[in-house]
Amino acid sequence: MFTPEREIIPGFIVLEGIDGTGTTTQLKRIETRLEKLGVPHWTSFEPTDLPTGTFLRQVLSGEVPAEPATIARLFSADRNEHLYGKGGAMERLGRGELVVFDRYLFSSLAYQGMDCGLELPAGLNAAFPLPGLLVYFDLGVEVAMTRVARRPGRDIYETHAALERVRSAYIEVLAAFADSGMRIVHVDASAPLDEVSRVIDALVEGVLAGLAAGRNPAH
């Protein structure tokens, strides 16, 4: 259901994990690292800060009520704009930029699949390309909830029960993509922040080396 044949993009990296795992922090650190290296890049996140994503955030906060199937469709619409809209990921990848997302279609399969079944989000996301590298931040729910509790507000999924279900769903989703050709790396998100950053830096540098080798076969 999850893995029809689809394009895998080597210069596209995705960070995934339940709420509180530190993907947002690591995205910022990746941004800083790539800037220092002078690598053309774009770091972004989902939901986006586009009008589609702004509305979706209102839904996730509970401000605007919506059915689970509606939320699944909103994520797909926002993702389509994120990829194919003006200045989006596909345009940037096409001009040689490294693109890194905090969350992507795997979140939809885990989170929305939990609420409305897998068939709808799987169908809505079936045509989107896969990243060359998917990094899954693995963290127990107890620790994740401790981190979430420090935030000023919570979204509709940030409860212990919901995150337990989502964590289990992620494991199933990632297993389903095991033979997709996409590289999937599990990272221990309970490790100290700088240790996690070192792991992420090495993974990103590996992607950059692979891209360079692809552009310069003689090397």
C-alpha atoms as a PDB file:
ATOM      1  CA  MET A   1       0.000   0.000   0.000  1.00  0.00           C
ATOM      2  CA  PHE A   2       2.819   2.424   0.887  1.00  0.00           C
ATOM      3  CA  THR A   3       5.415   1.717  -1.757  1.00  0.00           C
ATOM      4  CA  PRO A   4       4.279   1.917  -5.354  1.00  0.00           C
ATOM      5  CA  GLU A   5       7.189   2.583  -7.670  1.00  0.00           C
ATOM      6  CA  ARG A   6       8.154   6.195  -7.335  1.00  0.00           C
ATOM      7  CA  GLU A   7      11.117   8.491  -7.758  1.00  0.00           C
ATOM      8  CA  ILE A   8      13.817   8.565  -5.092  1.00  0.00           C
ATOM      9  CA  ILE A   9      15.675  11.887  -4.909  1.00  0.00           C
ATOM     10  CA  PRO A  10      19.277  11.610  -3.624  1.00  0.00           C
ATOM     11  CA  GLY A  11      19.523  15.292  -2.616  1.00  0.00           C
ATOM     12  CA  PHE A  12      16.392  15.160  -0.481  1.00  0.00           C
ATOM     13  CA  ILE A  13      16.628  14.370   3.262  1.00  0.00           C
ATOM     14  CA  VAL A  14      13.691  13.940   5.646  1.00  0.00           C
ATOM     15  CA  LEU A  15      13.698  13.952   9.465  1.00  0.00           C
ATOM     16  CA  GLU A  16      10.835  12.077  11.152  1.00  0.00           C
ATOM     17  CA  GLY A  17       9.730  11.116  14.649  1.00  0.00           C
ATOM     18  CA  ILE A  18       6.961  11.603  17.173  1.00  0.00           C
ATOM     19  CA  ASP A  19       6.530  14.995  18.824  1.00  0.00           C
ATOM     20  CA  GLY A  20       9.350  15.873  21.195  1.00  0.00           C
ATOM     21  CA  THR A  21      12.100  13.887  19.494  1.00  0.00           C
ATOM     22  CA  GLY A  22      14.157  16.949  18.494  1.00  0.00           C
ATOM     23  CA  THR A  23      13.728  17.033  14.719  1.00  0.00           C
ATOM     24  CA  THR A  24      13.136  20.796  14.740  1.00  0.00           C
ATOM     25  CA  THR A  25      16.284  21.432  16.774  1.00  0.00           C
ATOM     26  CA  GLN A  26      18.358  19.260  14.469  1.00  0.00           C
ATOM     27  CA  LEU A  27      16.910  20.938  11.373  1.00  0.00           C
ATOM     28  CA  LYS A  28      18.187  24.282  12.688  1.00  0.00           C
ATOM     29  CA  ARG A  29      21.590  22.763  13.362  1.00  0.00           C
ATOM     30  CA  ILE A  30      21.710  21.318   9.852  1.00  0.00           C
ATOM     31  CA  GLU A  31      20.886  24.769   8.479  1.00  0.00           C
ATOM     32  CA  THR A  32      23.773  26.308  10.419  1.00  0.00           C
ATOM     33  CA  ARG A  33      26.162  23.556   9.343  1.00  0.00           C
ATOM     34  CA  LEU A  34      25.282  23.842   5.651  1.00  0.00           C
ATOM     35  CA  GLU A  35      25.647  27.615   5.778  1.00  0.00           C
ATOM     36  CA  LYS A  36      29.164  27.245   7.199  1.00  0.00           C
ATOM     37  CA  LEU A  37      30.046  24.725   4.497  1.00  0.00           C
ATOM     38  CA  GLY A  38      28.683  27.014   1.783  1.00  0.00           C
ATOM     39  CA  VAL A  39      26.394  24.274   0.456  1.00  0.00           C
ATOM     40  CA  PRO A  40      23.369  25.504  -1.552  1.00  0.00           C
ATOM     41  CA  HIS A  41      20.410  24.248   0.445  1.00  0.00           C
ATOM     42  CA  TRP A  42      16.859  24.699   1.679  1.00  0.00           C
ATOM     43  CA  THR A  43      15.609  23.531   5.057  1.00  0.00           C
ATOM     44  CA  SER A  44      11.861  23.473   5.590  1.00  0.00           C
ATOM     45  CA  PHE A  45       9.101  21.794   7.587  1.00  0.00           C
ATOM     46  CA  GLU A  46       5.559  20.469   7.486  1.00  0.00           C
ATOM     47  CA  PRO A  47       2.999  21.797   8.021  1.00  0.00           C
ATOM     48  CA  THR A  48       4.505  24.648   6.016  1.00  0.00           C
ATOM     49  CA  ASP A  49       4.231  28.389   6.585  1.00  0.00           C
ATOM     50  CA  LEU A  50       2.291  28.654   3.310  1.00  0.00           C
ATOM     51  CA  PRO A  51      -1.424  29.554   3.497  1.00  0.00           C
ATOM     52  CA  THR A  52      -2.266  25.847   3.282  1.00  0.00           C
ATOM     53  CA  GLY A  53       0.001  25.058   6.210  1.00  0.00           C
ATOM     54  CA  THR A  54      -1.130  28.049   8.254  1.00  0.00           C
ATOM     55  CA  PHE A  55      -4.721  26.851   8.080  1.00  0.00           C
ATOM     56  CA  LEU A  56      -3.621  23.316   8.901  1.00  0.00           C
ATOM     57  CA  ARG A  57      -1.847  24.566  12.027  1.00  0.00           C
ATOM     58  CA  GLN A  58      -5.102  26.153  13.157  1.00  0.00           C
ATOM     59  CA  VAL A  59      -6.740  22.743  12.791  1.00  0.00           C
ATOM     60  CA  LEU A  60      -3.948  20.976  14.675  1.00  0.00           C
ATOM     61  CA  SER A  61      -4.142  23.478  17.526  1.00  0.00           C
ATOM     62  CA  GLY A  62      -7.834  22.682  17.927  1.00  0.00           C
ATOM     63  CA  GLU A  63      -8.846  26.210  16.940  1.00  0.00           C
ATOM     64  CA  VAL A  64     -10.613  24.941  13.815  1.00  0.00           C
ATOM     65  CA  PRO A  65     -12.419  21.586  14.160  1.00  0.00           C
ATOM     66  CA  ALA A  66     -12.007  19.101  11.314  1.00  0.00           C
ATOM     67  CA  GLU A  67     -12.651  15.441  10.612  1.00  0.00           C
ATOM     68  CA  PRO A  68      -9.619  13.096  10.471  1.00  0.00           C
ATOM     69  CA  ALA A  69     -10.150  12.519   6.736  1.00  0.00           C
ATOM     70  CA  THR A  70     -10.188  16.288   6.191  1.00  0.00           C
ATOM     71  CA  ILE A  71      -6.905  16.640   8.066  1.00  0.00           C
ATOM     72  CA  ALA A  72      -5.348  13.934   5.895  1.00  0.00           C
ATOM     73  CA  ARG A  73      -6.424  15.810   2.762  1.00  0.00           C
ATOM     74  CA  LEU A  74      -5.146  19.128   4.132  1.00  0.00           C
ATOM     75  CA  PHE A  75      -1.709  17.624   4.760  1.00  0.00           C
ATOM     76  CA  SER A  76      -1.619  16.258   1.221  1.00  0.00           C
ATOM     77  CA  ALA A  77      -2.601  19.631  -0.249  1.00  0.00           C
ATOM     78  CA  ASP A  78       0.015  21.460   1.811  1.00  0.00           C
ATOM     79  CA  ARG A  79       2.638  18.897   0.805  1.00  0.00           C
ATOM     80  CA  ASN A  80       1.807  19.304  -2.875  1.00  0.00           C
ATOM     81  CA  GLU A  81       2.381  23.061  -2.599  1.00  0.00           C
ATOM     82  CA  HIS A  82       5.561  22.426  -0.600  1.00  0.00           C
ATOM     83  CA  LEU A  83       6.950  20.238  -3.356  1.00  0.00           C
ATOM     84  CA  TYR A  84       5.578  21.696  -6.567  1.00  0.00           C
ATOM     85  CA  GLY A  85       4.621  25.281  -5.757  1.00  0.00           C
ATOM     86  CA  LYS A  86       6.750  28.253  -6.800  1.00  0.00           C
ATOM     87  CA  GLY A  87      10.039  28.181  -4.895  1.00  0.00           C
ATOM     88  CA  GLY A  88       9.226  24.707  -3.578  1.00  0.00           C
ATOM     89  CA  ALA A  89      11.352  21.614  -3.137  1.00  0.00           C
ATOM     90  CA  MET A  90      11.280  20.321  -6.699  1.00  0.00           C
ATOM     91  CA  GLU A  91      12.316  23.676  -8.114  1.00  0.00           C
ATOM     92  CA  ARG A  92      15.199  23.914  -5.636  1.00  0.00           C
ATOM     93  CA  LEU A  93      16.316  20.319  -6.157  1.00  0.00           C
ATOM     94  CA  GLY A  94      16.273  20.972  -9.880  1.00  0.00           C
ATOM     95  CA  ARG A  95      18.857  23.701  -9.489  1.00  0.00           C
ATOM     96  CA  GLY A  96      21.122  21.550  -7.332  1.00  0.00           C
ATOM     97  CA  GLU A  97      20.177  22.567  -3.805  1.00  0.00           C
ATOM     98  CA  LEU A  98      20.188  20.068  -0.941  1.00  0.00           C
ATOM     99  CA  VAL A  99      16.672  19.971   0.532  1.00  0.00           C
ATOM    100  CA  VAL A 100      15.987  18.912   4.132  1.00  0.00           C
ATOM    101  CA  PHE A 101      12.466  18.589   5.557  1.00  0.00           C
ATOM    102  CA  ASP A 102      11.315  18.261   9.131  1.00  0.00           C
ATOM    103  CA  ARG A 103       8.443  15.796   8.501  1.00  0.00           C
ATOM    104  CA  TYR A 104       7.025  14.543   5.232  1.00  0.00           C
ATOM    105  CA  LEU A 105       4.567  11.937   3.995  1.00  0.00           C
ATOM    106  CA  PHE A 106       5.651   9.385   6.598  1.00  0.00           C
ATOM    107  CA  SER A 107       4.096  11.599   9.264  1.00  0.00           C
ATOM    108  CA  SER A 108       0.790  11.487   7.417  1.00  0.00           C
ATOM    109  CA  LEU A 109       0.894   7.709   7.261  1.00  0.00           C
ATOM    110  CA  ALA A 110       1.650   7.464  10.987  1.00  0.00           C
ATOM    111  CA  TYR A 111      -0.504  10.266  12.399  1.00  0.00           C
ATOM    112  CA  GLN A 112      -3.473  10.426  10.025  1.00  0.00           C
ATOM    113  CA  GLY A 113      -3.383   6.685   9.420  1.00  0.00           C
ATOM    114  CA  MET A 114      -3.958   6.282  13.149  1.00  0.00           C
ATOM    115  CA  ASP A 115      -7.200   8.260  12.997  1.00  0.00           C
ATOM    116  CA  CYS A 116      -8.766   7.494   9.630  1.00  0.00           C
ATOM    117  CA  GLY A 117      -7.118   4.270   8.530  1.00  0.00           C
ATOM    118  CA  LEU A 118      -4.141   3.819   6.215  1.00  0.00           C
ATOM    119  CA  GLU A 119      -5.933   3.598   2.886  1.00  0.00           C
ATOM    120  CA  LEU A 120      -6.772   7.314   2.582  1.00  0.00           C
ATOM    121  CA  PRO A 121      -3.369   8.836   3.531  1.00  0.00           C
ATOM    122  CA  ALA A 122      -1.563   6.135   1.557  1.00  0.00           C
ATOM    123  CA  GLY A 123      -3.573   7.010  -1.540  1.00  0.00           C
ATOM    124  CA  LEU A 124      -3.205  10.760  -1.059  1.00  0.00           C
ATOM    125  CA  ASN A 125       0.589  10.449  -0.781  1.00  0.00           C
ATOM    126  CA  ALA A 126       1.237   7.670  -3.293  1.00  0.00           C
ATOM    127  CA  ALA A 127       2.554   9.925  -6.067  1.00  0.00           C
ATOM    128  CA  PHE A 128       4.984  12.000  -3.999  1.00  0.00           C
ATOM    129  CA  PRO A 129       8.707  11.208  -4.465  1.00  0.00           C
ATOM    130  CA  LEU A 130      10.788   9.633  -1.712  1.00  0.00           C
ATOM    131  CA  PRO A 131      13.886  11.182  -0.134  1.00  0.00           C
ATOM    132  CA  GLY A 132      17.248   9.567  -0.643  1.00  0.00           C
ATOM    133  CA  LEU A 133      17.686   9.572   3.144  1.00  0.00           C
ATOM    134  CA  LEU A 134      15.032   9.232   5.839  1.00  0.00           C
ATOM    135  CA  VAL A 135      16.246   9.757   9.409  1.00  0.00           C
ATOM    136  CA  TYR A 136      13.885   8.453  12.080  1.00  0.00           C
ATOM    137  CA  PHE A 137      14.375   9.910  15.560  1.00  0.00           C
ATOM    138  CA  ASP A 138      13.475   7.132  17.979  1.00  0.00           C
ATOM    139  CA  LEU A 139      12.410   8.147  21.494  1.00  0.00           C
ATOM    140  CA  GLY A 140      10.238   6.672  24.213  1.00  0.00           C
ATOM    141  CA  VAL A 141       6.902   8.372  24.779  1.00  0.00           C
ATOM    142  CA  GLU A 142       7.592   9.174  28.443  1.00  0.00           C
ATOM    143  CA  VAL A 143      10.657  11.237  27.531  1.00  0.00           C
ATOM    144  CA  ALA A 144       8.901  12.784  24.535  1.00  0.00           C
ATOM    145  CA  MET A 145       5.991  13.941  26.700  1.00  0.00           C
ATOM    146  CA  THR A 146       8.408  15.473  29.212  1.00  0.00           C
ATOM    147  CA  ARG A 147       9.853  17.575  26.388  1.00  0.00           C
ATOM    148  CA  VAL A 148       6.428  18.441  24.967  1.00  0.00           C
ATOM    149  CA  ALA A 149       5.302  19.640  28.401  1.00  0.00           C
ATOM    150  CA  ARG A 150       7.914  22.427  28.252  1.00  0.00           C
ATOM    151  CA  ARG A 151       6.236  23.985  25.224  1.00  0.00           C
ATOM    152  CA  PRO A 152       3.749  26.863  25.591  1.00  0.00           C
ATOM    153  CA  GLY A 153       0.935  24.908  23.904  1.00  0.00           C
ATOM    154  CA  ARG A 154       0.059  21.465  22.553  1.00  0.00           C
ATOM    155  CA  ASP A 155      -1.589  20.232  19.394  1.00  0.00           C
ATOM    156  CA  ILE A 156      -4.325  17.631  19.170  1.00  0.00           C
ATOM    157  CA  TYR A 157      -1.841  14.744  18.861  1.00  0.00           C
ATOM    158  CA  GLU A 158       0.383  15.643  21.799  1.00  0.00           C
ATOM    159  CA  THR A 159      -1.048  13.276  24.385  1.00  0.00           C
ATOM    160  CA  HIS A 160       0.568  10.188  25.857  1.00  0.00           C
ATOM    161  CA  ALA A 161      -2.017   7.831  24.386  1.00  0.00           C
ATOM    162  CA  ALA A 162      -1.820   9.360  20.903  1.00  0.00           C
ATOM    163  CA  LEU A 163       1.977   9.339  20.789  1.00  0.00           C
ATOM    164  CA  GLU A 164       2.082   5.695  21.904  1.00  0.00           C
ATOM    165  CA  ARG A 165      -0.113   4.806  18.939  1.00  0.00           C
ATOM    166  CA  VAL A 166       1.858   7.007  16.548  1.00  0.00           C
ATOM    167  CA  ARG A 167       5.184   5.519  17.636  1.00  0.00           C
ATOM    168  CA  SER A 168       3.854   2.029  16.912  1.00  0.00           C
ATOM    169  CA  ALA A 169       2.496   3.250  13.572  1.00  0.00           C
ATOM    170  CA  TYR A 170       5.874   4.707  12.590  1.00  0.00           C
ATOM    171  CA  ILE A 171       7.542   1.336  13.143  1.00  0.00           C
ATOM    172  CA  GLU A 172       5.054  -0.310  10.790  1.00  0.00           C
ATOM    173  CA  VAL A 173       5.349   2.456   8.193  1.00  0.00           C
ATOM    174  CA  LEU A 174       9.148   2.349   8.118  1.00  0.00           C
ATOM    175  CA  ALA A 175       9.115  -1.438   7.852  1.00  0.00           C
ATOM    176  CA  ALA A 176       6.824  -1.154   4.830  1.00  0.00           C
ATOM    177  CA  PHE A 177       9.373   1.114   3.106  1.00  0.00           C
ATOM    178  CA  ALA A 178      12.347  -1.146   3.902  1.00  0.00           C
ATOM    179  CA  ASP A 179      12.632  -2.383   0.301  1.00  0.00           C
ATOM    180  CA  SER A 180      11.795   0.916  -1.393  1.00  0.00           C
ATOM    181  CA  GLY A 181      15.415   1.781  -2.222  1.00  0.00           C
ATOM    182  CA  MET A 182      15.337   4.739   0.155  1.00  0.00           C
ATOM    183  CA  ARG A 183      17.970   4.719   2.915  1.00  0.00           C
ATOM    184  CA  ILE A 184      16.362   4.632   6.372  1.00  0.00           C
ATOM    185  CA  VAL A 185      18.464   5.358   9.459  1.00  0.00           C
ATOM    186  CA  HIS A 186      17.205   5.090  13.045  1.00  0.00           C
ATOM    187  CA  VAL A 187      18.784   7.559  15.485  1.00  0.00           C
ATOM    188  CA  ASP A 188      18.606   7.311  19.281  1.00  0.00           C
ATOM    189  CA  ALA A 189      16.945  10.626  20.119  1.00  0.00           C
ATOM    190  CA  SER A 190      17.448  10.064  23.853  1.00  0.00           C
ATOM    191  CA  ALA A 191      21.207  10.613  23.444  1.00  0.00           C
ATOM    192  CA  PRO A 192      22.745  14.006  24.374  1.00  0.00           C
ATOM    193  CA  LEU A 193      21.959  16.755  21.879  1.00  0.00           C
ATOM    194  CA  ASP A 194      25.513  17.180  20.606  1.00  0.00           C
ATOM    195  CA  GLU A 195      25.893  13.421  20.164  1.00  0.00           C
ATOM    196  CA  VAL A 196      22.745  13.304  18.039  1.00  0.00           C
ATOM    197  CA  SER A 197      24.063  16.269  16.042  1.00  0.00           C
ATOM    198  CA  ARG A 198      27.316  14.442  15.316  1.00  0.00           C
ATOM    199  CA  VAL A 199      25.368  11.476  13.955  1.00  0.00           C
ATOM    200  CA  ILE A 200      23.194  13.754  11.804  1.00  0.00           C
ATOM    201  CA  ASP A 201      26.216  15.717  10.540  1.00  0.00           C
ATOM    202  CA  ALA A 202      27.880  12.490   9.437  1.00  0.00           C
ATOM    203  CA  LEU A 203      24.744  11.374   7.615  1.00  0.00           C
ATOM    204  CA  VAL A 204      24.383  14.720   5.828  1.00  0.00           C
ATOM    205  CA  GLU A 205      28.059  14.709   4.865  1.00  0.00           C
ATOM    206  CA  GLY A 206      27.559  11.221   3.451  1.00  0.00           C
ATOM    207  CA  VAL A 207      24.716  12.480   1.265  1.00  0.00           C
ATOM    208  CA  LEU A 208      26.841  15.404   0.071  1.00  0.00           C
ATOM    209  CA  ALA A 209      29.728  13.043  -0.761  1.00  0.00           C
ATOM    210  CA  GLY A 210      27.376  10.819  -2.716  1.00  0.00           C
ATOM    211  CA  LEU A 211      26.016  13.758  -4.653  1.00  0.00           C
ATOM    212  CA  ALA A 212      29.523  14.972  -5.438  1.00  0.00           C
ATOM    213  CA  ALA A 213      30.528  11.518  -6.648  1.00  0.00           C
ATOM    214  CA  GLY A 214      27.462  11.380  -8.836  1.00  0.00           C
ATOM    215  CA  ARG A 215      28.302  14.707 -10.433  1.00  0.00           C
ATOM    216  CA  ASN A 216      31.992  13.805 -10.793  1.00  0.00           C
ATOM    217  CA  PRO A 217      32.172  10.081 -11.687  1.00  0.00           C
ATOM    218  CA  ALA A 218      35.953  10.253 -12.185  1.00  0.00           C
ATOM    219  CA  HIS A 219      36.347  11.024  -8.488  1.00  0.00           C
END
